Amino acid sequence: MSYIKTAITRYVNKRFDSFTKNSLASLMLDEAISFLDVGAANGAPPRWSAIREFIDYCAVEPDPRSSSDILLNKSESQYKSEQLITKALWSESGEVSLNLCRKSTASSIYVPNDNFAKLFPDSSRFDIIEQIALPCTTIDEVTKNMGMQFDVIKLDIQGAELNALTGAENSLSNVLAIEVEVEFYELYRKQPLFDDVFGFLKSRGFDLIDLIFLYRWSARKITGLGQLVFSDALFMRPPEKIASTGTESEIRKYASICVVYRRGDLLVRLGDLLSHTNKLEELAELVCEIGAAIEKHNLRALKFYNLASKAIQVINPYARTHMTH
């Protein structure tokens, strides 16, 4: 059964990746998406590593237990370019103290909130085993030193996401999308929460597009059910803004990012806006075509989901909300 499941998953992923790559090839031409991966302990997320030939990849991982294995040898790498930064990102340059937790991916500049963690299983993963001093820098300084404007930023740094964003005041204006982990409860003491991050990004022209994955914890076993604790949130510029003020390069990159996140809805809006203003008519037609294809695929998936949901609701009529990720 496990073999069959793996084979099906690989087949489906291959079809997804093929569609994505073909779409990006037609949209991006010879350009690349610059991707800043802040908290890259496990390497680039699958949606990005699958299209590495279109990506200028910059990984940030200060934990020495995780940073050594992030980048491939140059002979093996398929990214347009890739770099690794081992400094912490913060609101200002200087030095910070990193709390190394028993589980490396739980390490944070903030101190774990023991009172909250102990409500759930395996709280020992948040135990601090060592504190180390790290040099820190800002996204603005990284942008300046690299001579690169980032199109997409992903942040997963255990409560310090808003601090890193605060250090990007000068460079955020060029960013098209931000994927950021947001907490609804203090996993770490005095950390910023979802509403702080939402308010900051909203005031800087980003829309909350979706919560692309929800993390729920139960009292005795982490099953995917239980209390909603944190989420991966996707913020993007509204397509209306991109259509009205974006250059052709920005429009192509924005459309490509929409493809990566399967946002057919934003592509259709963008394509319609370009068509109505007679702006880049051929590109507008291409964007609408790709958006419609993604919408069709998403709708087909939703039909299967609804069938599964109705079957499960025979046992539990309120299960649908818990299934949704």
C-alpha atoms as a PDB file:
ATOM      1  CA  MET A   1       0.000   0.000   0.000  1.00  0.00           C
ATOM      2  CA  SER A   2       2.844   2.376   0.885  1.00  0.00           C
ATOM      3  CA  TYR A   3       4.543   1.677  -2.464  1.00  0.00           C
ATOM      4  CA  ILE A   4       1.320   2.394  -4.389  1.00  0.00           C
ATOM      5  CA  LYS A   5       0.781   5.637  -2.465  1.00  0.00           C
ATOM      6  CA  THR A   6       4.354   6.757  -3.170  1.00  0.00           C
ATOM      7  CA  ALA A   7       4.037   5.910  -6.868  1.00  0.00           C
ATOM      8  CA  ILE A   8       0.769   7.854  -7.178  1.00  0.00           C
ATOM      9  CA  THR A   9       2.249  10.836  -5.337  1.00  0.00           C
ATOM     10  CA  ARG A  10       5.280  10.908  -7.609  1.00  0.00           C
ATOM     11  CA  TYR A  11       3.089  10.689 -10.715  1.00  0.00           C
ATOM     12  CA  VAL A  12       0.831  13.520  -9.565  1.00  0.00           C
ATOM     13  CA  ASN A  13       3.778  15.689  -8.486  1.00  0.00           C
ATOM     14  CA  LYS A  14       5.464  15.092 -11.835  1.00  0.00           C
ATOM     15  CA  ARG A  15       2.358  16.337 -13.668  1.00  0.00           C
ATOM     16  CA  PHE A  16       2.155  19.378 -11.398  1.00  0.00           C
ATOM     17  CA  ASP A  17       5.835  20.153 -11.830  1.00  0.00           C
ATOM     18  CA  SER A  18       5.644  19.737 -15.604  1.00  0.00           C
ATOM     19  CA  PHE A  19       2.729  22.175 -15.889  1.00  0.00           C
ATOM     20  CA  THR A  20       4.470  24.653 -13.578  1.00  0.00           C
ATOM     21  CA  LYS A  21       7.759  24.509 -15.480  1.00  0.00           C
ATOM     22  CA  ASN A  22       6.062  24.918 -18.858  1.00  0.00           C
ATOM     23  CA  SER A  23       4.087  27.889 -17.545  1.00  0.00           C
ATOM     24  CA  LEU A  24       7.159  29.526 -16.046  1.00  0.00           C
ATOM     25  CA  ALA A  25       9.149  28.992 -19.233  1.00  0.00           C
ATOM     26  CA  SER A  26       6.516  30.892 -21.208  1.00  0.00           C
ATOM     27  CA  LEU A  27       6.151  33.636 -18.600  1.00  0.00           C
ATOM     28  CA  MET A  28       9.701  34.203 -17.386  1.00  0.00           C
ATOM     29  CA  LEU A  29      11.588  34.084 -20.676  1.00  0.00           C
ATOM     30  CA  ASP A  30      15.239  34.439 -19.603  1.00  0.00           C
ATOM     31  CA  GLU A  31      14.636  36.014 -16.196  1.00  0.00           C
ATOM     32  CA  ALA A  32      14.716  34.411 -12.730  1.00  0.00           C
ATOM     33  CA  ILE A  33      12.726  34.809  -9.532  1.00  0.00           C
ATOM     34  CA  SER A  34      14.917  35.921  -6.630  1.00  0.00           C
ATOM     35  CA  PHE A  35      13.909  33.936  -3.543  1.00  0.00           C
ATOM     36  CA  LEU A  36      15.087  34.718   0.009  1.00  0.00           C
ATOM     37  CA  ASP A  37      14.551  31.684   2.247  1.00  0.00           C
ATOM     38  CA  VAL A  38      14.862  32.842   5.868  1.00  0.00           C
ATOM     39  CA  GLY A  39      15.012  29.788   8.114  1.00  0.00           C
ATOM     40  CA  ALA A  40      16.203  27.281   5.533  1.00  0.00           C
ATOM     41  CA  ALA A  41      17.035  24.354   7.827  1.00  0.00           C
ATOM     42  CA  ASN A  42      15.391  21.817   5.500  1.00  0.00           C
ATOM     43  CA  GLY A  43      16.350  23.503   2.248  1.00  0.00           C
ATOM     44  CA  ALA A  44      13.947  25.288  -0.070  1.00  0.00           C
ATOM     45  CA  PRO A  45      10.271  24.266   0.241  1.00  0.00           C
ATOM     46  CA  PRO A  46       9.216  21.639  -2.344  1.00  0.00           C
ATOM     47  CA  ARG A  47       7.178  24.098  -4.415  1.00  0.00           C
ATOM     48  CA  TRP A  48      10.393  26.096  -4.965  1.00  0.00           C
ATOM     49  CA  SER A  49      13.013  23.348  -5.114  1.00  0.00           C
ATOM     50  CA  ALA A  50      10.964  21.676  -7.878  1.00  0.00           C
ATOM     51  CA  ILE A  51      11.562  24.689 -10.155  1.00  0.00           C
ATOM     52  CA  ARG A  52      15.113  25.533  -9.092  1.00  0.00           C
ATOM     53  CA  GLU A  53      16.245  26.268 -12.655  1.00  0.00           C
ATOM     54  CA  PHE A  54      14.079  29.418 -12.532  1.00  0.00           C
ATOM     55  CA  ILE A  55      15.312  30.581  -9.112  1.00  0.00           C
ATOM     56  CA  ASP A  56      18.111  32.750  -7.736  1.00  0.00           C
ATOM     57  CA  TYR A  57      18.169  31.158  -4.286  1.00  0.00           C
ATOM     58  CA  CYS A  58      19.488  32.807  -1.131  1.00  0.00           C
ATOM     59  CA  ALA A  59      19.224  30.652   1.996  1.00  0.00           C
ATOM     60  CA  VAL A  60      19.522  32.052   5.533  1.00  0.00           C
ATOM     61  CA  GLU A  61      20.233  29.580   8.345  1.00  0.00           C
ATOM     62  CA  PRO A  62      22.301  30.592  11.399  1.00  0.00           C
ATOM     63  CA  ASP A  63      21.967  27.302  13.328  1.00  0.00           C
ATOM     64  CA  PRO A  64      25.272  25.475  12.680  1.00  0.00           C
ATOM     65  CA  ARG A  65      23.517  22.110  13.123  1.00  0.00           C
ATOM     66  CA  SER A  66      21.384  22.790  10.063  1.00  0.00           C
ATOM     67  CA  SER A  67      23.299  25.147   7.782  1.00  0.00           C
ATOM     68  CA  SER A  68      26.025  22.765   6.590  1.00  0.00           C
ATOM     69  CA  ASP A  69      23.752  20.607   4.421  1.00  0.00           C
ATOM     70  CA  ILE A  70      21.546  23.238   2.771  1.00  0.00           C
ATOM     71  CA  LEU A  71      23.434  23.981  -0.420  1.00  0.00           C
ATOM     72  CA  LEU A  72      24.408  21.366  -2.974  1.00  0.00           C
ATOM     73  CA  ASN A  73      27.816  21.177  -4.602  1.00  0.00           C
ATOM     74  CA  LYS A  74      28.052  23.513  -7.576  1.00  0.00           C
ATOM     75  CA  SER A  75      28.218  20.523  -9.897  1.00  0.00           C
ATOM     76  CA  GLU A  76      24.912  19.220  -8.477  1.00  0.00           C
ATOM     77  CA  SER A  77      23.017  22.486  -8.063  1.00  0.00           C
ATOM     78  CA  GLN A  78      20.392  23.343 -10.664  1.00  0.00           C
ATOM     79  CA  TYR A  79      19.512  26.801  -9.322  1.00  0.00           C
ATOM     80  CA  LYS A  80      20.259  29.815 -11.475  1.00  0.00           C
ATOM     81  CA  SER A  81      22.409  30.829  -8.523  1.00  0.00           C
ATOM     82  CA  GLU A  82      22.515  30.036  -4.811  1.00  0.00           C
ATOM     83  CA  GLN A  83      24.068  31.536  -1.709  1.00  0.00           C
ATOM     84  CA  LEU A  84      24.050  30.785   2.011  1.00  0.00           C
ATOM     85  CA  ILE A  85      23.987  33.371   4.801  1.00  0.00           C
ATOM     86  CA  THR A  86      24.810  32.069   8.288  1.00  0.00           C
ATOM     87  CA  LYS A  87      24.043  35.295  10.142  1.00  0.00           C
ATOM     88  CA  ALA A  88      20.706  35.732  11.879  1.00  0.00           C
ATOM     89  CA  LEU A  89      18.262  38.217  10.358  1.00  0.00           C
ATOM     90  CA  TRP A  90      16.919  40.777  12.780  1.00  0.00           C
ATOM     91  CA  SER A  91      15.572  44.322  12.908  1.00  0.00           C
ATOM     92  CA  GLU A  92      19.101  45.757  13.152  1.00  0.00           C
ATOM     93  CA  SER A  93      22.705  44.682  12.757  1.00  0.00           C
ATOM     94  CA  GLY A  94      24.743  43.568  15.720  1.00  0.00           C
ATOM     95  CA  GLU A  95      24.627  40.413  17.801  1.00  0.00           C
ATOM     96  CA  VAL A  96      21.805  38.260  19.120  1.00  0.00           C
ATOM     97  CA  SER A  97      21.574  35.209  21.354  1.00  0.00           C
ATOM     98  CA  LEU A  98      20.157  32.093  19.687  1.00  0.00           C
ATOM     99  CA  ASN A  99      18.480  29.527  21.950  1.00  0.00           C
ATOM    100  CA  LEU A 100      19.443  26.113  20.565  1.00  0.00           C
ATOM    101  CA  CYS A 101      16.551  23.783  21.372  1.00  0.00           C
ATOM    102  CA  ARG A 102      16.615  20.010  21.548  1.00  0.00           C
ATOM    103  CA  LYS A 103      14.862  19.947  18.159  1.00  0.00           C
ATOM    104  CA  SER A 104      16.976  22.142  15.883  1.00  0.00           C
ATOM    105  CA  THR A 105      14.020  23.584  13.977  1.00  0.00           C
ATOM    106  CA  ALA A 106      12.513  24.818  17.272  1.00  0.00           C
ATOM    107  CA  SER A 107      15.533  27.039  17.996  1.00  0.00           C
ATOM    108  CA  SER A 108      14.764  30.738  18.289  1.00  0.00           C
ATOM    109  CA  ILE A 109      16.077  34.100  19.371  1.00  0.00           C
ATOM    110  CA  TYR A 110      12.989  34.147  21.574  1.00  0.00           C
ATOM    111  CA  VAL A 111      12.754  31.976  24.690  1.00  0.00           C
ATOM    112  CA  PRO A 112      10.298  29.044  24.385  1.00  0.00           C
ATOM    113  CA  ASN A 113       7.081  29.394  26.337  1.00  0.00           C
ATOM    114  CA  ASP A 114       7.232  26.312  28.578  1.00  0.00           C
ATOM    115  CA  ASN A 115       3.771  26.891  30.019  1.00  0.00           C
ATOM    116  CA  PHE A 116       2.160  26.621  26.603  1.00  0.00           C
ATOM    117  CA  ALA A 117       4.389  23.865  25.224  1.00  0.00           C
ATOM    118  CA  LYS A 118       3.646  21.579  28.185  1.00  0.00           C
ATOM    119  CA  LEU A 119      -0.029  21.522  27.249  1.00  0.00           C
ATOM    120  CA  PHE A 120       0.899  19.316  24.285  1.00  0.00           C
ATOM    121  CA  PRO A 121       3.002  16.211  23.529  1.00  0.00           C
ATOM    122  CA  ASP A 122       6.771  16.183  23.122  1.00  0.00           C
ATOM    123  CA  SER A 123       7.269  19.522  24.844  1.00  0.00           C
ATOM    124  CA  SER A 124      10.902  18.567  25.502  1.00  0.00           C
ATOM    125  CA  ARG A 125      11.713  19.484  21.889  1.00  0.00           C
ATOM    126  CA  PHE A 126      11.617  23.100  23.071  1.00  0.00           C
ATOM    127  CA  ASP A 127      14.177  22.485  25.844  1.00  0.00           C
ATOM    128  CA  ILE A 128      17.103  24.878  25.538  1.00  0.00           C
ATOM    129  CA  ILE A 129      20.330  22.872  25.442  1.00  0.00           C
ATOM    130  CA  GLU A 130      22.673  25.759  24.662  1.00  0.00           C
ATOM    131  CA  GLN A 131      22.736  29.475  23.967  1.00  0.00           C
ATOM    132  CA  ILE A 132      25.119  30.866  21.375  1.00  0.00           C
ATOM    133  CA  ALA A 133      25.940  34.420  20.324  1.00  0.00           C
ATOM    134  CA  LEU A 134      25.420  35.102  16.628  1.00  0.00           C
ATOM    135  CA  PRO A 135      26.152  38.078  14.427  1.00  0.00           C
ATOM    136  CA  CYS A 136      22.948  39.446  12.939  1.00  0.00           C
ATOM    137  CA  THR A 137      22.135  41.570   9.940  1.00  0.00           C
ATOM    138  CA  THR A 138      19.027  42.888   8.210  1.00  0.00           C
ATOM    139  CA  ILE A 139      17.230  42.096   4.979  1.00  0.00           C
ATOM    140  CA  ASP A 140      17.986  45.633   3.819  1.00  0.00           C
ATOM    141  CA  GLU A 141      21.715  45.062   4.323  1.00  0.00           C
ATOM    142  CA  VAL A 142      21.594  41.669   2.612  1.00  0.00           C
ATOM    143  CA  THR A 143      19.801  43.267  -0.345  1.00  0.00           C
ATOM    144  CA  LYS A 144      22.356  46.064  -0.527  1.00  0.00           C
ATOM    145  CA  ASN A 145      25.411  43.822  -0.158  1.00  0.00           C
ATOM    146  CA  MET A 146      24.199  41.294  -2.724  1.00  0.00           C
ATOM    147  CA  GLY A 147      23.013  43.942  -5.156  1.00  0.00           C
ATOM    148  CA  MET A 148      19.783  41.981  -5.549  1.00  0.00           C
ATOM    149  CA  GLN A 149      16.135  42.848  -5.005  1.00  0.00           C
ATOM    150  CA  PHE A 150      14.138  39.880  -3.743  1.00  0.00           C
ATOM    151  CA  ASP A 151      10.850  39.010  -5.425  1.00  0.00           C
ATOM    152  CA  VAL A 152       9.737  36.477  -2.798  1.00  0.00           C
ATOM    153  CA  ILE A 153      10.619  36.140   0.881  1.00  0.00           C
ATOM    154  CA  LYS A 154       9.834  33.074   2.969  1.00  0.00           C
ATOM    155  CA  LEU A 155      10.232  33.408   6.747  1.00  0.00           C
ATOM    156  CA  ASP A 156      10.157  30.563   9.243  1.00  0.00           C
ATOM    157  CA  ILE A 157      12.271  31.667  12.202  1.00  0.00           C
ATOM    158  CA  GLN A 158      10.229  30.676  15.206  1.00  0.00           C
ATOM    159  CA  GLY A 159       8.585  33.902  16.293  1.00  0.00           C
ATOM    160  CA  ALA A 160      11.175  36.359  14.959  1.00  0.00           C
ATOM    161  CA  GLU A 161       9.529  36.864  11.556  1.00  0.00           C
ATOM    162  CA  LEU A 162       8.240  40.377  12.284  1.00  0.00           C
ATOM    163  CA  ASN A 163      11.637  41.449  13.601  1.00  0.00           C
ATOM    164  CA  ALA A 164      13.236  40.367  10.320  1.00  0.00           C
ATOM    165  CA  LEU A 165      10.537  42.171   8.314  1.00  0.00           C
ATOM    166  CA  THR A 166      11.133  45.345  10.326  1.00  0.00           C
ATOM    167  CA  GLY A 167      14.694  45.242   9.036  1.00  0.00           C
ATOM    168  CA  ALA A 168      13.417  45.283   5.445  1.00  0.00           C
ATOM    169  CA  GLU A 169      11.755  48.696   5.353  1.00  0.00           C
ATOM    170  CA  ASN A 170      13.762  49.882   2.326  1.00  0.00           C
ATOM    171  CA  SER A 171      13.560  46.673   0.299  1.00  0.00           C
ATOM    172  CA  LEU A 172       9.939  45.592   0.916  1.00  0.00           C
ATOM    173  CA  SER A 173       8.676  47.927  -1.795  1.00  0.00           C
ATOM    174  CA  ASN A 174      10.199  45.619  -4.416  1.00  0.00           C
ATOM    175  CA  VAL A 175       8.873  42.375  -2.904  1.00  0.00           C
ATOM    176  CA  LEU A 176       5.901  40.742  -4.637  1.00  0.00           C
ATOM    177  CA  ALA A 177       5.060  37.920  -2.213  1.00  0.00           C
ATOM    178  CA  ILE A 178       5.842  36.875   1.360  1.00  0.00           C
ATOM    179  CA  GLU A 179       5.241  33.442   2.859  1.00  0.00           C
ATOM    180  CA  VAL A 180       5.511  33.774   6.622  1.00  0.00           C
ATOM    181  CA  GLU A 181       4.898  31.505   9.586  1.00  0.00           C
ATOM    182  CA  VAL A 182       2.458  33.185  11.971  1.00  0.00           C
ATOM    183  CA  GLU A 183       1.531  32.106  15.479  1.00  0.00           C
ATOM    184  CA  PHE A 184      -1.854  32.546  17.139  1.00  0.00           C
ATOM    185  CA  TYR A 185      -0.446  31.788  20.599  1.00  0.00           C
ATOM    186  CA  GLU A 186       2.901  32.497  22.199  1.00  0.00           C
ATOM    187  CA  LEU A 187       5.068  29.497  21.414  1.00  0.00           C
ATOM    188  CA  TYR A 188       7.884  31.796  22.485  1.00  0.00           C
ATOM    189  CA  ARG A 189       7.635  34.365  25.258  1.00  0.00           C
ATOM    190  CA  LYS A 190       6.655  37.878  24.128  1.00  0.00           C
ATOM    191  CA  GLN A 191       6.892  37.000  20.443  1.00  0.00           C
ATOM    192  CA  PRO A 192       4.823  38.925  17.847  1.00  0.00           C
ATOM    193  CA  LEU A 193       1.615  37.128  16.862  1.00  0.00           C
ATOM    194  CA  PHE A 194      -0.513  36.891  13.726  1.00  0.00           C
ATOM    195  CA  ASP A 195      -2.275  40.222  14.160  1.00  0.00           C
ATOM    196  CA  ASP A 196       1.070  42.032  14.529  1.00  0.00           C
ATOM    197  CA  VAL A 197       2.407  40.530  11.294  1.00  0.00           C
ATOM    198  CA  PHE A 198      -0.892  41.095   9.477  1.00  0.00           C
ATOM    199  CA  GLY A 199      -1.045  44.756  10.483  1.00  0.00           C
ATOM    200  CA  PHE A 200       2.572  45.376   9.499  1.00  0.00           C
ATOM    201  CA  LEU A 201       2.263  43.845   6.035  1.00  0.00           C
ATOM    202  CA  LYS A 202      -1.203  45.288   5.359  1.00  0.00           C
ATOM    203  CA  SER A 203       0.115  48.794   6.056  1.00  0.00           C
ATOM    204  CA  ARG A 204       2.838  48.179   3.474  1.00  0.00           C
ATOM    205  CA  GLY A 205       0.530  47.192   0.655  1.00  0.00           C
ATOM    206  CA  PHE A 206       0.305  43.412   1.011  1.00  0.00           C
ATOM    207  CA  ASP A 207      -2.964  41.460   1.015  1.00  0.00           C
ATOM    208  CA  LEU A 208      -3.465  38.286   3.011  1.00  0.00           C
ATOM    209  CA  ILE A 209      -4.178  35.795   0.241  1.00  0.00           C
ATOM    210  CA  ASP A 210      -4.475  32.551   2.161  1.00  0.00           C
ATOM    211  CA  LEU A 211      -3.411  30.450   5.119  1.00  0.00           C
ATOM    212  CA  ILE A 212      -1.737  27.782   3.031  1.00  0.00           C
ATOM    213  CA  PHE A 213      -1.234  25.272   5.832  1.00  0.00           C
ATOM    214  CA  LEU A 214      -2.719  25.061   9.313  1.00  0.00           C
ATOM    215  CA  TYR A 215      -0.963  23.422  12.263  1.00  0.00           C
ATOM    216  CA  ARG A 216      -3.225  22.037  14.986  1.00  0.00           C
ATOM    217  CA  TRP A 217      -2.064  20.429  18.218  1.00  0.00           C
ATOM    218  CA  SER A 218      -3.947  17.950  20.403  1.00  0.00           C
ATOM    219  CA  ALA A 219      -3.361  17.241  24.071  1.00  0.00           C
ATOM    220  CA  ARG A 220      -2.101  13.658  23.821  1.00  0.00           C
ATOM    221  CA  LYS A 221      -0.961  13.140  20.239  1.00  0.00           C
ATOM    222  CA  ILE A 222      -0.234  15.490  17.321  1.00  0.00           C
ATOM    223  CA  THR A 223      -2.712  14.234  14.710  1.00  0.00           C
ATOM    224  CA  GLY A 224      -3.547  17.358  12.695  1.00  0.00           C
ATOM    225  CA  LEU A 225      -6.682  17.915  14.759  1.00  0.00           C
ATOM    226  CA  GLY A 226      -7.010  20.015  17.883  1.00  0.00           C
ATOM    227  CA  GLN A 227      -6.189  23.636  18.648  1.00  0.00           C
ATOM    228  CA  LEU A 228      -5.020  25.878  15.817  1.00  0.00           C
ATOM    229  CA  VAL A 229      -1.594  27.043  16.984  1.00  0.00           C
ATOM    230  CA  PHE A 230       0.207  28.444  13.941  1.00  0.00           C
ATOM    231  CA  SER A 231       0.003  28.663  10.172  1.00  0.00           C
ATOM    232  CA  ASP A 232       1.940  29.427   7.005  1.00  0.00           C
ATOM    233  CA  ALA A 233       0.401  32.621   5.636  1.00  0.00           C
ATOM    234  CA  LEU A 234       0.735  33.894   2.070  1.00  0.00           C
ATOM    235  CA  PHE A 235       0.769  37.675   1.550  1.00  0.00           C
ATOM    236  CA  MET A 236       0.960  39.170  -1.953  1.00  0.00           C
ATOM    237  CA  ARG A 237       0.564  42.471  -3.716  1.00  0.00           C
ATOM    238  CA  PRO A 238      -2.978  42.833  -5.090  1.00  0.00           C
ATOM    239  CA  PRO A 239      -3.084  42.116  -8.855  1.00  0.00           C
ATOM    240  CA  GLU A 240      -4.800  45.480  -9.397  1.00  0.00           C
ATOM    241  CA  LYS A 241      -1.634  47.215  -8.161  1.00  0.00           C
ATOM    242  CA  ILE A 242       0.639  45.066 -10.332  1.00  0.00           C
ATOM    243  CA  ALA A 243      -1.489  45.588 -13.445  1.00  0.00           C
ATOM    244  CA  SER A 244      -1.596  49.365 -13.043  1.00  0.00           C
ATOM    245  CA  THR A 245       1.977  50.176 -11.996  1.00  0.00           C
ATOM    246  CA  GLY A 246       4.109  47.089 -12.673  1.00  0.00           C
ATOM    247  CA  THR A 247       6.715  46.856 -15.394  1.00  0.00           C
ATOM    248  CA  GLU A 248       6.496  43.948 -17.831  1.00  0.00           C
ATOM    249  CA  SER A 249       9.219  42.171 -15.852  1.00  0.00           C
ATOM    250  CA  GLU A 250       7.299  42.603 -12.575  1.00  0.00           C
ATOM    251  CA  ILE A 251       4.062  41.421 -14.194  1.00  0.00           C
ATOM    252  CA  ARG A 252       5.769  38.295 -15.534  1.00  0.00           C
ATOM    253  CA  LYS A 253       7.369  37.543 -12.171  1.00  0.00           C
ATOM    254  CA  TYR A 254       4.117  38.145 -10.290  1.00  0.00           C
ATOM    255  CA  ALA A 255       2.238  35.831 -12.658  1.00  0.00           C
ATOM    256  CA  SER A 256       4.940  33.193 -12.222  1.00  0.00           C
ATOM    257  CA  ILE A 257       4.673  33.410  -8.428  1.00  0.00           C
ATOM    258  CA  CYS A 258       0.913  32.932  -8.771  1.00  0.00           C
ATOM    259  CA  VAL A 259       1.608  29.756 -10.772  1.00  0.00           C
ATOM    260  CA  VAL A 260       3.959  28.449  -8.061  1.00  0.00           C
ATOM    261  CA  TYR A 261       1.269  28.953  -5.412  1.00  0.00           C
ATOM    262  CA  ARG A 262      -1.524  27.705  -7.731  1.00  0.00           C
ATOM    263  CA  ARG A 263      -3.383  31.014  -7.502  1.00  0.00           C
ATOM    264  CA  GLY A 264      -5.500  30.797 -10.628  1.00  0.00           C
ATOM    265  CA  ASP A 265      -7.871  33.368  -9.125  1.00  0.00           C
ATOM    266  CA  LEU A 266      -5.162  36.047  -9.004  1.00  0.00           C
ATOM    267  CA  LEU A 267      -3.970  35.184 -12.505  1.00  0.00           C
ATOM    268  CA  VAL A 268      -7.475  35.586 -13.927  1.00  0.00           C
ATOM    269  CA  ARG A 269      -7.854  38.951 -12.182  1.00  0.00           C
ATOM    270  CA  LEU A 270      -4.457  40.077 -13.448  1.00  0.00           C
ATOM    271  CA  GLY A 271      -5.129  38.929 -17.010  1.00  0.00           C
ATOM    272  CA  ASP A 272      -8.536  40.598 -17.133  1.00  0.00           C
ATOM    273  CA  LEU A 273      -7.093  43.858 -15.858  1.00  0.00           C
ATOM    274  CA  LEU A 274      -4.331  43.816 -18.462  1.00  0.00           C
ATOM    275  CA  SER A 275      -6.875  43.052 -21.193  1.00  0.00           C
ATOM    276  CA  HIS A 276      -9.202  45.883 -20.174  1.00  0.00           C
ATOM    277  CA  THR A 277      -6.366  48.397 -20.302  1.00  0.00           C
ATOM    278  CA  ASN A 278      -4.955  47.021 -23.586  1.00  0.00           C
ATOM    279  CA  LYS A 279      -1.648  46.579 -21.769  1.00  0.00           C
ATOM    280  CA  LEU A 280       0.640  43.809 -23.030  1.00  0.00           C
ATOM    281  CA  GLU A 281      -2.200  42.063 -24.867  1.00  0.00           C
ATOM    282  CA  GLU A 282      -0.288  38.866 -25.708  1.00  0.00           C
ATOM    283  CA  LEU A 283       0.926  38.517 -22.120  1.00  0.00           C
ATOM    284  CA  ALA A 284      -2.598  39.226 -20.848  1.00  0.00           C
ATOM    285  CA  GLU A 285      -3.956  36.393 -22.991  1.00  0.00           C
ATOM    286  CA  LEU A 286      -1.250  34.020 -21.733  1.00  0.00           C
ATOM    287  CA  VAL A 287      -1.904  34.950 -18.099  1.00  0.00           C
ATOM    288  CA  CYS A 288      -5.651  34.380 -18.512  1.00  0.00           C
ATOM    289  CA  GLU A 289      -5.032  31.040 -20.217  1.00  0.00           C
ATOM    290  CA  ILE A 290      -2.742  29.755 -17.448  1.00  0.00           C
ATOM    291  CA  GLY A 291      -5.056  31.109 -14.753  1.00  0.00           C
ATOM    292  CA  ALA A 292      -8.078  29.379 -16.269  1.00  0.00           C
ATOM    293  CA  ALA A 293      -6.163  26.076 -16.458  1.00  0.00           C
ATOM    294  CA  ILE A 294      -5.202  26.295 -12.771  1.00  0.00           C
ATOM    295  CA  GLU A 295      -8.751  27.252 -11.786  1.00  0.00           C
ATOM    296  CA  LYS A 296     -10.092  24.249 -13.720  1.00  0.00           C
ATOM    297  CA  HIS A 297      -7.622  21.920 -12.006  1.00  0.00           C
ATOM    298  CA  ASN A 298      -8.369  23.404  -8.574  1.00  0.00           C
ATOM    299  CA  LEU A 299     -12.106  23.029  -9.149  1.00  0.00           C
ATOM    300  CA  ARG A 300     -11.664  19.381 -10.127  1.00  0.00           C
ATOM    301  CA  ALA A 301      -9.666  18.794  -6.932  1.00  0.00           C
ATOM    302  CA  LEU A 302     -12.362  20.570  -4.911  1.00  0.00           C
ATOM    303  CA  LYS A 303     -15.022  18.202  -6.266  1.00  0.00           C
ATOM    304  CA  PHE A 304     -13.015  15.199  -5.032  1.00  0.00           C
ATOM    305  CA  TYR A 305     -12.503  16.948  -1.718  1.00  0.00           C
ATOM    306  CA  ASN A 306     -16.221  17.615  -1.334  1.00  0.00           C
ATOM    307  CA  LEU A 307     -17.034  13.977  -2.073  1.00  0.00           C
ATOM    308  CA  ALA A 308     -14.555  12.842   0.571  1.00  0.00           C
ATOM    309  CA  SER A 309     -15.878  15.449   2.975  1.00  0.00           C
ATOM    310  CA  LYS A 310     -19.483  14.281   2.546  1.00  0.00           C
ATOM    311  CA  ALA A 311     -18.472  10.663   3.111  1.00  0.00           C
ATOM    312  CA  ILE A 312     -16.610  11.578   6.307  1.00  0.00           C
ATOM    313  CA  GLN A 313     -19.528  13.697   7.522  1.00  0.00           C
ATOM    314  CA  VAL A 314     -21.604  10.527   7.724  1.00  0.00           C
ATOM    315  CA  ILE A 315     -19.476   9.751  10.771  1.00  0.00           C
ATOM    316  CA  ASN A 316     -18.888  13.317  11.941  1.00  0.00           C
ATOM    317  CA  PRO A 317     -21.093  16.065  10.443  1.00  0.00           C
ATOM    318  CA  TYR A 318     -18.656  18.772  11.579  1.00  0.00           C
ATOM    319  CA  ALA A 319     -15.450  17.166  10.295  1.00  0.00           C
ATOM    320  CA  ARG A 320     -15.088  19.400   7.239  1.00  0.00           C
ATOM    321  CA  THR A 321     -13.578  22.317   9.114  1.00  0.00           C
ATOM    322  CA  HIS A 322     -10.995  20.055  10.706  1.00  0.00           C
ATOM    323  CA  MET A 323      -9.990  18.520   7.376  1.00  0.00           C
ATOM    324  CA  THR A 324      -9.207  21.833   5.752  1.00  0.00           C
ATOM    325  CA  HIS A 325      -5.517  22.707   5.528  1.00  0.00           C
END
